[in-house]
Each structure stands twice: as structure tokens, then as C-alpha cells.
Amino acid sequence: MLRKVIVVTDDEESVKRAEKEVLRAKHKGHEFALDLTRIIDRERKKEIMKRLTRF
């Protein structure tokens, strides 16, 4: 099984791109991991994580 690492930065464009990648990976049956280490603000990181894991 393939594993895809999706890197997310703090800008909105990156979050939208990550949403598309998450949906593609789930549709194809691939595993994926989110890399949120480039986001410094904890509250923003929580918000983005909720957005990306709701699917």
C-alpha cells in the first residue's frame, strides 16, 4: 500500500491543496500522513487539522 505525505504550510492555498490531496488519496485507497510541522501557531494548527480530518 502506498503512503503519501502531505505537507501543509500556513497559507490558505496550501490548506486547499492539502484538502484535495486528502480526498484523492482516500479515493484511490492510499494511506496518507499530514506534515504540519511548518505551522507554528497551535490554534491555527488545530483548526487546520480539524478541517483536513473531517473527510
Protein backbone atom coordinates (compact mmCIF):
# COMPACT_ATOMS: atom_id res chain seq x y z
CA MET A 1 0.00 0.00 0.00
CA LEU A 2 1.32 3.42 -0.89
CA ARG A 3 1.80 6.08 1.74
CA LYS A 4 1.64 9.72 0.77
CA VAL A 5 3.00 12.56 2.92
CA ILE A 6 1.05 15.79 2.51
CA VAL A 7 2.99 18.88 3.61
CA VAL A 8 0.89 21.81 4.79
CA THR A 9 2.17 25.35 5.31
CA ASP A 10 0.37 28.22 7.00
CA ASP A 11 -1.16 29.86 3.92
CA GLU A 12 -4.72 29.20 2.75
CA GLU A 13 -3.66 27.96 -0.70
CA SER A 14 -1.62 25.18 0.86
CA VAL A 15 -4.58 24.09 3.01
CA LYS A 16 -6.89 23.92 -0.02
CA ARG A 17 -4.30 21.90 -1.94
CA ALA A 18 -3.97 19.54 1.03
CA GLU A 19 -7.76 19.03 1.14
CA LYS A 20 -7.71 17.96 -2.50
CA GLU A 21 -4.76 15.63 -1.89
CA VAL A 22 -6.51 14.02 1.10
CA LEU A 23 -9.63 13.38 -0.95
CA ARG A 24 -7.59 11.95 -3.84
CA ALA A 25 -5.64 9.66 -1.53
CA LYS A 26 -8.79 8.35 0.14
CA HIS A 27 -10.50 7.83 -3.21
CA LYS A 28 -7.56 5.82 -4.54
CA GLY A 29 -7.25 3.83 -1.32
CA HIS A 30 -3.81 5.18 -0.40
CA GLU A 31 -2.64 5.88 3.10
CA PHE A 32 -1.56 9.42 3.82
CA ALA A 33 0.19 11.35 6.56
CA LEU A 34 -0.12 15.06 7.27
CA ASP A 35 3.03 17.08 7.94
CA LEU A 36 2.02 20.15 9.95
CA THR A 37 5.47 20.94 11.38
CA ARG A 38 5.76 24.18 9.39
CA ILE A 39 2.79 25.72 11.21
CA ILE A 40 3.92 27.44 14.40
CA ASP A 41 0.66 28.72 15.94
CA ARG A 42 -1.01 25.92 17.92
CA GLU A 43 -4.57 27.22 17.48
CA ARG A 44 -4.10 27.54 13.72
CA LYS A 45 -2.67 24.01 13.62
CA LYS A 46 -5.74 22.68 15.47
CA GLU A 47 -8.08 24.49 13.08
CA ILE A 48 -6.30 23.11 10.00
CA MET A 49 -6.20 19.59 11.46
CA LYS A 50 -9.98 19.66 12.08
CA ARG A 51 -10.52 20.83 8.51
CA LEU A 52 -8.39 18.08 7.00
CA THR A 53 -9.62 15.18 9.12
CA ARG A 54 -13.35 15.73 8.70
CA PHE A 55 -13.44 13.75 5.44
